[in-house]
PDB file of N, CA and C in Angstrom:
ATOM      1  N   MET A   1      61.922 105.514  79.419  1.00  0.00           N
ATOM      2  CA  MET A   1      63.065 106.650  80.228  1.00  0.00           C
ATOM      3  C   MET A   1      63.996 105.509  80.566  1.00  0.00           C
ATOM      4  N   ALA A   2      65.363 106.162  80.303  1.00  0.00           N
ATOM      5  CA  ALA A   2      66.644 105.371  80.767  1.00  0.00           C
ATOM      6  C   ALA A   2      67.105 105.566  81.967  1.00  0.00           C
ATOM      7  N   PHE A   3      67.796 104.701  82.471  1.00  0.00           N
ATOM      8  CA  PHE A   3      68.247 104.695  83.741  1.00  0.00           C
ATOM      9  C   PHE A   3      69.700 105.480  83.526  1.00  0.00           C
ATOM     10  N   THR A   4      69.938 106.364  84.669  1.00  0.00           N
ATOM     11  CA  THR A   4      71.043 107.149  84.449  1.00  0.00           C
ATOM     12  C   THR A   4      71.809 106.932  85.733  1.00  0.00           C
ATOM     13  N   SER A   5      71.363 107.346  86.956  1.00  0.00           N
ATOM     14  CA  SER A   5      72.265 107.249  88.098  1.00  0.00           C
ATOM     15  C   SER A   5      71.233 107.232  89.378  1.00  0.00           C
ATOM     16  N   LEU A   6      71.607 106.543  90.452  1.00  0.00           N
ATOM     17  CA  LEU A   6      70.960 106.735  91.806  1.00  0.00           C
ATOM     18  C   LEU A   6      71.668 107.718  92.719  1.00  0.00           C
ATOM     19  N   ALA A   7      72.597 108.327  92.192  1.00  0.00           N
ATOM     20  CA  ALA A   7      73.430 109.149  93.157  1.00  0.00           C
ATOM     21  C   ALA A   7      72.546 110.254  93.870  1.00  0.00           C
ATOM     22  N   TYR A   8      71.439 110.643  93.226  1.00  0.00           N
ATOM     23  CA  TYR A   8      70.557 111.773  94.057  1.00  0.00           C
ATOM     24  C   TYR A   8      70.040 111.190  95.231  1.00  0.00           C
ATOM     25  N   HIS A   9      70.159 110.000  95.416  1.00  0.00           N
ATOM     26  CA  HIS A   9      69.639 109.255  96.737  1.00  0.00           C
ATOM     27  C   HIS A   9      70.825 109.268  97.866  1.00  0.00           C
ATOM     28  N   LEU A  10      72.080 109.601  97.527  1.00  0.00           N
ATOM     29  CA  LEU A  10      73.010 109.525  98.386  1.00  0.00           C
ATOM     30  C   LEU A  10      73.201 110.839  99.198  1.00  0.00           C
ATOM     31  N   ASP A  11      73.522 110.578 100.294  1.00  0.00           N
ATOM     32  CA  ASP A  11      73.936 111.792 101.124  1.00  0.00           C
ATOM     33  C   ASP A  11      74.913 111.463 102.251  1.00  0.00           C
ATOM     34  N   LEU A  12      75.522 112.315 102.978  1.00  0.00           N
ATOM     35  CA  LEU A  12      76.368 111.962 103.777  1.00  0.00           C
ATOM     36  C   LEU A  12      76.198 111.049 105.023  1.00  0.00           C
ATOM     37  N   GLU A  13      74.788 111.110 105.569  1.00  0.00           N
ATOM     38  CA  GLU A  13      74.234 110.136 106.569  1.00  0.00           C
ATOM     39  C   GLU A  13      74.346 108.762 105.998  1.00  0.00           C
ATOM     40  N   TRP A  14      73.923 108.681 104.788  1.00  0.00           N
ATOM     41  CA  TRP A  14      73.744 107.222 103.973  1.00  0.00           C
ATOM     42  C   TRP A  14      75.185 106.584 103.916  1.00  0.00           C
ATOM     43  N   LEU A  15      76.335 107.546 103.529  1.00  0.00           N
ATOM     44  CA  LEU A  15      77.519 107.100 103.214  1.00  0.00           C
ATOM     45  C   LEU A  15      78.132 106.648 104.719  1.00  0.00           C
ATOM     46  N   HIS A  16      78.021 107.356 105.992  1.00  0.00           N
ATOM     47  CA  HIS A  16      78.417 107.156 107.094  1.00  0.00           C
ATOM     48  C   HIS A  16      77.879 105.762 107.559  1.00  0.00           C
ATOM     49  N   GLU A  17      76.588 105.537 107.203  1.00  0.00           N
ATOM     50  CA  GLU A  17      75.966 104.202 107.829  1.00  0.00           C
ATOM     51  C   GLU A  17      76.514 103.165 106.899  1.00  0.00           C
ATOM     52  N   ALA A  18      76.854 103.388 105.511  1.00  0.00           N
ATOM     53  CA  ALA A  18      77.296 102.210 104.733  1.00  0.00           C
ATOM     54  C   ALA A  18      78.889 102.071 105.346  1.00  0.00           C
ATOM     55  N   HIS A  19      79.505 103.107 105.664  1.00  0.00           N
ATOM     56  CA  HIS A  19      80.858 102.898 106.179  1.00  0.00           C
ATOM     57  C   HIS A  19      80.915 102.209 107.540  1.00  0.00           C
ATOM     58  N   ARG A  20      79.853 102.478 108.299  1.00  0.00           N
ATOM     59  CA  ARG A  20      79.767 101.863 109.709  1.00  0.00           C
ATOM     60  C   ARG A  20      79.581 100.112 109.575  1.00  0.00           C
ATOM     61  N   ARG A  21      78.640  99.777 108.322  1.00  0.00           N
ATOM     62  CA  ARG A  21      78.294  98.396 108.162  1.00  0.00           C
ATOM     63  C   ARG A  21      79.373  97.644 107.304  1.00  0.00           C
ATOM     64  N   THR A  22      80.314  98.374 106.865  1.00  0.00           N
ATOM     65  CA  THR A  22      81.379  97.736 106.119  1.00  0.00           C
ATOM     66  C   THR A  22      82.366  96.959 106.901  1.00  0.00           C
ATOM     67  N   ARG A  23      82.746  95.692 106.555  1.00  0.00           N
ATOM     68  CA  ARG A  23      83.758  94.873 107.235  1.00  0.00           C
ATOM     69  C   ARG A  23      85.245  95.706 107.363  1.00  0.00           C
ATOM     70  N   LYS A  24      85.878  95.749 108.482  1.00  0.00           N
ATOM     71  CA  LYS A  24      86.997  96.613 108.353  1.00  0.00           C
ATOM     72  C   LYS A  24      88.418  95.725 108.450  1.00  0.00           C
ATOM     73  N   ASP A  25      88.019  94.436 108.445  1.00  0.00           N
ATOM     74  CA  ASP A  25      89.318  93.546 108.651  1.00  0.00           C
ATOM     75  C   ASP A  25      89.645  92.914 107.420  1.00  0.00           C
ATOM     76  N   GLY A  26      89.307  93.244 106.156  1.00  0.00           N
ATOM     77  CA  GLY A  26      89.436  92.849 104.805  1.00  0.00           C
ATOM     78  C   GLY A  26      90.805  93.136 104.226  1.00  0.00           C
ATOM     79  N   ALA A  27      91.074  92.884 103.055  1.00  0.00           N
ATOM     80  CA  ALA A  27      92.265  93.043 102.605  1.00  0.00           C
ATOM     81  C   ALA A  27      92.270  94.711 102.148  1.00  0.00           C
ATOM     82  N   VAL A  28      93.389  95.211 101.817  1.00  0.00           N
ATOM     83  CA  VAL A  28      93.458  96.660 101.277  1.00  0.00           C
ATOM     84  C   VAL A  28      92.871  96.669  99.783  1.00  0.00           C
ATOM     85  N   GLY A  29      92.420  97.831  99.829  1.00  0.00           N
ATOM     86  CA  GLY A  29      91.824  98.083  98.129  1.00  0.00           C
ATOM     87  C   GLY A  29      92.799  98.378  97.099  1.00  0.00           C
ATOM     88  N   VAL A  30      92.386  98.506  96.115  1.00  0.00           N
ATOM     89  CA  VAL A  30      93.425  98.638  94.865  1.00  0.00           C
ATOM     90  C   VAL A  30      94.214 100.008  94.962  1.00  0.00           C
ATOM     91  N   ASP A  31      93.970 100.787  95.831  1.00  0.00           N
ATOM     92  CA  ASP A  31      94.524 101.918  96.316  1.00  0.00           C
ATOM     93  C   ASP A  31      95.520 101.828  97.282  1.00  0.00           C
ATOM     94  N   GLU A  32      95.598 100.456  97.901  1.00  0.00           N
ATOM     95  CA  GLU A  32      96.463 100.021  99.041  1.00  0.00           C
ATOM     96  C   GLU A  32      96.115 100.779 100.418  1.00  0.00           C
ATOM     97  N   GLN A  33      95.056 101.165 100.481  1.00  0.00           N
ATOM     98  CA  GLN A  33      94.574 101.813 101.683  1.00  0.00           C
ATOM     99  C   GLN A  33      93.777 100.954 102.610  1.00  0.00           C
ATOM    100  N   THR A  34      94.058 101.008 103.855  1.00  0.00           N
ATOM    101  CA  THR A  34      93.336 100.057 104.868  1.00  0.00           C
ATOM    102  C   THR A  34      91.943 100.862 105.116  1.00  0.00           C
ATOM    103  N   ALA A  35      90.980  99.910 105.816  1.00  0.00           N
ATOM    104  CA  ALA A  35      89.936 100.798 106.208  1.00  0.00           C
ATOM    105  C   ALA A  35      90.231 101.833 107.541  1.00  0.00           C
ATOM    106  N   GLU A  36      91.518 101.360 108.121  1.00  0.00           N
ATOM    107  CA  GLU A  36      91.806 102.246 109.403  1.00  0.00           C
ATOM    108  C   GLU A  36      92.212 103.714 108.749  1.00  0.00           C
ATOM    109  N   GLN A  37      93.069 103.432 107.735  1.00  0.00           N
ATOM    110  CA  GLN A  37      93.715 104.660 107.167  1.00  0.00           C
ATOM    111  C   GLN A  37      92.493 105.412 106.443  1.00  0.00           C
ATOM    112  N   TYR A  38      91.744 104.986 105.840  1.00  0.00           N
ATOM    113  CA  TYR A  38      90.325 105.665 105.159  1.00  0.00           C
ATOM    114  C   TYR A  38      89.658 106.215 106.296  1.00  0.00           C
ATOM    115  N   GLY A  39      89.540 105.665 107.472  1.00  0.00           N
ATOM    116  CA  GLY A  39      88.736 106.194 108.613  1.00  0.00           C
ATOM    117  C   GLY A  39      89.432 107.292 109.167  1.00  0.00           C
ATOM    118  N   GLU A  40      90.722 107.627 109.118  1.00  0.00           N
ATOM    119  CA  GLU A  40      91.498 108.832 109.635  1.00  0.00           C
ATOM    120  C   GLU A  40      90.880 109.937 109.099  1.00  0.00           C
ATOM    121  N   ASN A  41      90.640 110.009 107.869  1.00  0.00           N
ATOM    122  CA  ASN A  41      90.025 111.360 107.069  1.00  0.00           C
ATOM    123  C   ASN A  41      88.543 111.023 106.633  1.00  0.00           C
ATOM    124  N   LEU A  42      87.781 110.208 107.548  1.00  0.00           N
ATOM    125  CA  LEU A  42      86.405 109.640 107.174  1.00  0.00           C
ATOM    126  C   LEU A  42      85.529 110.910 106.500  1.00  0.00           C
ATOM    127  N   GLU A  43      85.521 111.957 107.095  1.00  0.00           N
ATOM    128  CA  GLU A  43      84.556 113.063 106.859  1.00  0.00           C
ATOM    129  C   GLU A  43      84.859 113.496 105.380  1.00  0.00           C
ATOM    130  N   GLN A  44      86.344 113.921 105.258  1.00  0.00           N
ATOM    131  CA  GLN A  44      86.785 114.333 104.027  1.00  0.00           C
ATOM    132  C   GLN A  44      86.717 113.275 102.799  1.00  0.00           C
ATOM    133  N   ASN A  45      86.966 111.949 103.146  1.00  0.00           N
ATOM    134  CA  ASN A  45      86.936 110.993 102.149  1.00  0.00           C
ATOM    135  C   ASN A  45      85.456 110.746 101.846  1.00  0.00           C
ATOM    136  N   LEU A  46      84.486 110.952 102.706  1.00  0.00           N
ATOM    137  CA  LEU A  46      83.058 110.607 102.349  1.00  0.00           C
ATOM    138  C   LEU A  46      82.608 111.755 101.588  1.00  0.00           C
ATOM    139  N   GLN A  47      82.918 113.009 101.915  1.00  0.00           N
ATOM    140  CA  GLN A  47      82.472 114.067 101.189  1.00  0.00           C
ATOM    141  C   GLN A  47      83.043 114.201  99.800  1.00  0.00           C
ATOM    142  N   SER A  48      84.205 113.613  99.788  1.00  0.00           N
ATOM    143  CA  SER A  48      84.939 113.549  98.271  1.00  0.00           C
ATOM    144  C   SER A  48      84.063 112.580  97.407  1.00  0.00           C
ATOM    145  N   LEU A  49      83.965 111.477  98.123  1.00  0.00           N
ATOM    146  CA  LEU A  49      83.118 110.354  97.451  1.00  0.00           C
ATOM    147  C   LEU A  49      81.731 110.821  96.977  1.00  0.00           C
ATOM    148  N   LEU A  50      81.024 111.534  97.798  1.00  0.00           N
ATOM    149  CA  LEU A  50      79.848 112.053  97.528  1.00  0.00           C
ATOM    150  C   LEU A  50      79.673 112.964  96.401  1.00  0.00           C
ATOM    151  N   GLU A  51      80.707 114.051  96.475  1.00  0.00           N
ATOM    152  CA  GLU A  51      80.818 114.783  95.145  1.00  0.00           C
ATOM    153  C   GLU A  51      81.070 114.229  93.874  1.00  0.00           C
ATOM    154  N   ARG A  52      82.089 113.214  93.824  1.00  0.00           N
ATOM    155  CA  ARG A  52      82.439 112.592  92.726  1.00  0.00           C
ATOM    156  C   ARG A  52      81.154 111.699  92.127  1.00  0.00           C
ATOM    157  N   ALA A  53      80.464 111.002  93.059  1.00  0.00           N
ATOM    158  CA  ALA A  53      79.171 110.137  92.680  1.00  0.00           C
ATOM    159  C   ALA A  53      78.227 111.227  92.011  1.00  0.00           C
ATOM    160  N   LYS A  54      77.840 112.246  92.900  1.00  0.00           N
ATOM    161  CA  LYS A  54      76.849 113.140  92.184  1.00  0.00           C
ATOM    162  C   LYS A  54      77.321 113.909  91.056  1.00  0.00           C
ATOM    163  N   ALA A  55      78.629 114.212  90.818  1.00  0.00           N
ATOM    164  CA  ALA A  55      79.080 114.856  89.635  1.00  0.00           C
ATOM    165  C   ALA A  55      79.164 113.880  88.318  1.00  0.00           C
ATOM    166  N   GLY A  56      78.995 112.588  88.733  1.00  0.00           N
ATOM    167  CA  GLY A  56      79.022 111.641  87.652  1.00  0.00           C
ATOM    168  C   GLY A  56      80.462 111.136  87.222  1.00  0.00           C
ATOM    169  N   SER A  57      81.584 111.660  88.135  1.00  0.00           N
ATOM    170  CA  SER A  57      83.013 111.409  87.875  1.00  0.00           C
ATOM    171  C   SER A  57      83.529 110.375  88.742  1.00  0.00           C
ATOM    172  N   TYR A  58      82.799 109.664  89.485  1.00  0.00           N
ATOM    173  CA  TYR A  58      83.330 108.512  90.283  1.00  0.00           C
ATOM    174  C   TYR A  58      83.185 107.161  89.191  1.00  0.00           C
ATOM    175  N   ARG A  59      84.305 106.390  89.307  1.00  0.00           N
ATOM    176  CA  ARG A  59      84.366 105.308  88.560  1.00  0.00           C
ATOM    177  C   ARG A  59      84.819 104.159  89.312  1.00  0.00           C
ATOM    178  N   ALA A  60      84.053 103.065  89.640  1.00  0.00           N
ATOM    179  CA  ALA A  60      84.599 101.945  90.308  1.00  0.00           C
ATOM    180  C   ALA A  60      85.629 101.302  89.768  1.00  0.00           C
ATOM    181  N   SER A  61      86.594 100.629  90.358  1.00  0.00           N
ATOM    182  CA  SER A  61      87.627  99.977  89.936  1.00  0.00           C
ATOM    183  C   SER A  61      87.242  98.623  88.896  1.00  0.00           C
ATOM    184  N   PRO A  62      87.671  98.344  87.884  1.00  0.00           N
ATOM    185  CA  PRO A  62      87.341  97.240  87.235  1.00  0.00           C
ATOM    186  C   PRO A  62      87.442  95.957  88.036  1.00  0.00           C
ATOM    187  N   VAL A  63      86.651  94.870  87.791  1.00  0.00           N
ATOM    188  CA  VAL A  63      86.831  93.775  88.539  1.00  0.00           C
ATOM    189  C   VAL A  63      86.735  92.543  87.507  1.00  0.00           C
ATOM    190  N   ARG A  64      87.976  91.539  87.665  1.00  0.00           N
ATOM    191  CA  ARG A  64      87.907  90.689  86.897  1.00  0.00           C
ATOM    192  C   ARG A  64      87.303  89.370  87.501  1.00  0.00           C
ATOM    193  N   ARG A  65      86.500  88.491  86.802  1.00  0.00           N
ATOM    194  CA  ARG A  65      85.783  87.477  87.399  1.00  0.00           C
ATOM    195  C   ARG A  65      86.784  86.237  87.238  1.00  0.00           C
ATOM    196  N   ALA A  66      87.170  85.638  88.339  1.00  0.00           N
ATOM    197  CA  ALA A  66      87.857  84.216  88.245  1.00  0.00           C
ATOM    198  C   ALA A  66      86.980  83.108  88.931  1.00  0.00           C
ATOM    199  N   HIS A  67      87.188  81.929  88.654  1.00  0.00           N
ATOM    200  CA  HIS A  67      86.506  80.804  89.010  1.00  0.00           C
ATOM    201  C   HIS A  67      87.658  80.078  89.883  1.00  0.00           C
ATOM    202  N   LEU A  68      87.276  79.628  91.299  1.00  0.00           N
ATOM    203  CA  LEU A  68      88.128  78.766  92.087  1.00  0.00           C
ATOM    204  C   LEU A  68      87.501  77.505  92.232  1.00  0.00           C
ATOM    205  N   ALA A  69      88.494  76.479  92.227  1.00  0.00           N
ATOM    206  CA  ALA A  69      88.034  75.206  92.494  1.00  0.00           C
ATOM    207  C   ALA A  69      87.502  75.237  93.771  1.00  0.00           C
ATOM    208  N   LYS A  70      86.364  74.371  94.128  1.00  0.00           N
ATOM    209  CA  LYS A  70      85.864  74.038  95.409  1.00  0.00           C
ATOM    210  C   LYS A  70      86.665  73.088  96.290  1.00  0.00           C
ATOM    211  N   GLY A  71      87.256  72.239  95.418  1.00  0.00           N
ATOM    212  CA  GLY A  71      87.932  70.923  95.948  1.00  0.00           C
ATOM    213  C   GLY A  71      86.990  69.794  95.921  1.00  0.00           C
ATOM    214  N   THR A  72      85.701  69.919  95.348  1.00  0.00           N
ATOM    215  CA  THR A  72      84.848  68.790  95.347  1.00  0.00           C
ATOM    216  C   THR A  72      84.674  68.520  93.991  1.00  0.00           C
ATOM    217  N   GLY A  73      85.296  67.579  93.383  1.00  0.00           N
ATOM    218  CA  GLY A  73      85.232  67.448  91.794  1.00  0.00           C
ATOM    219  C   GLY A  73      85.473  68.704  91.037  1.00  0.00           C
ATOM    220  N   GLY A  74      84.601  68.774  89.896  1.00  0.00           N
ATOM    221  CA  GLY A  74      84.957  69.807  89.022  1.00  0.00           C
ATOM    222  C   GLY A  74      84.245  71.038  89.287  1.00  0.00           C
ATOM    223  N   GLU A  75      83.534  71.311  90.550  1.00  0.00           N
ATOM    224  CA  GLU A  75      82.934  72.583  90.750  1.00  0.00           C
ATOM    225  C   GLU A  75      83.875  73.600  90.998  1.00  0.00           C
ATOM    226  N   THR A  76      83.170  74.751  90.842  1.00  0.00           N
ATOM    227  CA  THR A  76      84.218  76.045  90.995  1.00  0.00           C
ATOM    228  C   THR A  76      83.077  77.123  91.608  1.00  0.00           C
ATOM    229  N   ARG A  77      83.796  78.168  92.241  1.00  0.00           N
ATOM    230  CA  ARG A  77      82.884  79.182  92.567  1.00  0.00           C
ATOM    231  C   ARG A  77      83.628  80.536  92.122  1.00  0.00           C
ATOM    232  N   PRO A  78      82.506  81.286  91.738  1.00  0.00           N
ATOM    233  CA  PRO A  78      83.204  82.625  91.127  1.00  0.00           C
ATOM    234  C   PRO A  78      83.669  83.747  92.114  1.00  0.00           C
ATOM    235  N   ILE A  79      84.624  84.494  91.957  1.00  0.00           N
ATOM    236  CA  ILE A  79      85.068  85.450  92.716  1.00  0.00           C
ATOM    237  C   ILE A  79      85.557  86.793  92.049  1.00  0.00           C
ATOM    238  N   GLY A  80      85.216  87.855  92.285  1.00  0.00           N
ATOM    239  CA  GLY A  80      85.732  88.998  91.794  1.00  0.00           C
ATOM    240  C   GLY A  80      87.045  89.603  92.217  1.00  0.00           C
ATOM    241  N   ILE A  81      88.196  89.857  91.487  1.00  0.00           N
ATOM    242  CA  ILE A  81      89.308  90.392  91.847  1.00  0.00           C
ATOM    243  C   ILE A  81      89.651  91.567  91.135  1.00  0.00           C
ATOM    244  N   LEU A  82      89.871  92.573  92.069  1.00  0.00           N
ATOM    245  CA  LEU A  82      90.055  94.059  91.676  1.00  0.00           C
ATOM    246  C   LEU A  82      91.204  94.171  90.960  1.00  0.00           C
ATOM    247  N   ARG A  83      91.218  94.875  89.926  1.00  0.00           N
ATOM    248  CA  ARG A  83      92.556  95.064  89.047  1.00  0.00           C
ATOM    249  C   ARG A  83      93.151  96.326  89.773  1.00  0.00           C
ATOM    250  N   ALA A  84      94.390  96.339  90.048  1.00  0.00           N
ATOM    251  CA  ALA A  84      94.997  97.477  90.405  1.00  0.00           C
ATOM    252  C   ALA A  84      95.374  98.522  89.208  1.00  0.00           C
ATOM    253  N   PRO A  85      95.209  99.820  89.587  1.00  0.00           N
ATOM    254  CA  PRO A  85      95.310 100.758  88.752  1.00  0.00           C
ATOM    255  C   PRO A  85      96.821 100.769  88.194  1.00  0.00           C
ATOM    256  N   VAL A  86      97.182 101.246  87.187  1.00  0.00           N
ATOM    257  CA  VAL A  86      98.496 101.427  86.761  1.00  0.00           C
ATOM    258  C   VAL A  86      99.059 102.660  87.267  1.00  0.00           C
ATOM    259  N   LYS A  87     100.341 102.351  87.800  1.00  0.00           N
ATOM    260  CA  LYS A  87     100.934 103.640  88.496  1.00  0.00           C
ATOM    261  C   LYS A  87     101.865 104.361  87.592  1.00  0.00           C
ATOM    262  N   LYS A  88     101.804 105.603  87.515  1.00  0.00           N
ATOM    263  CA  LYS A  88     102.535 106.213  86.561  1.00  0.00           C
ATOM    264  C   LYS A  88     103.951 106.816  87.499  1.00  0.00           C
TER     265      LYS A  88
END
């Protein structure tokens, strides 16, 4: 049996809880939207996210792996950097 999707486990209640647990003081996303702006239309945004996830049309933004020096010798730590979408 092949893995396809876990989207059937998602519902609005789960997405509301995930949103509640998410840090709101981070940097803006690749869409340049703050957590506060996303929350202004939270119900609509979560419903759209749920529909896209269940339809299989949701695609997470690509992440580039980079390694930053820790400042202690040659050690580095990996971080993920979101790639901004190309604006048309």
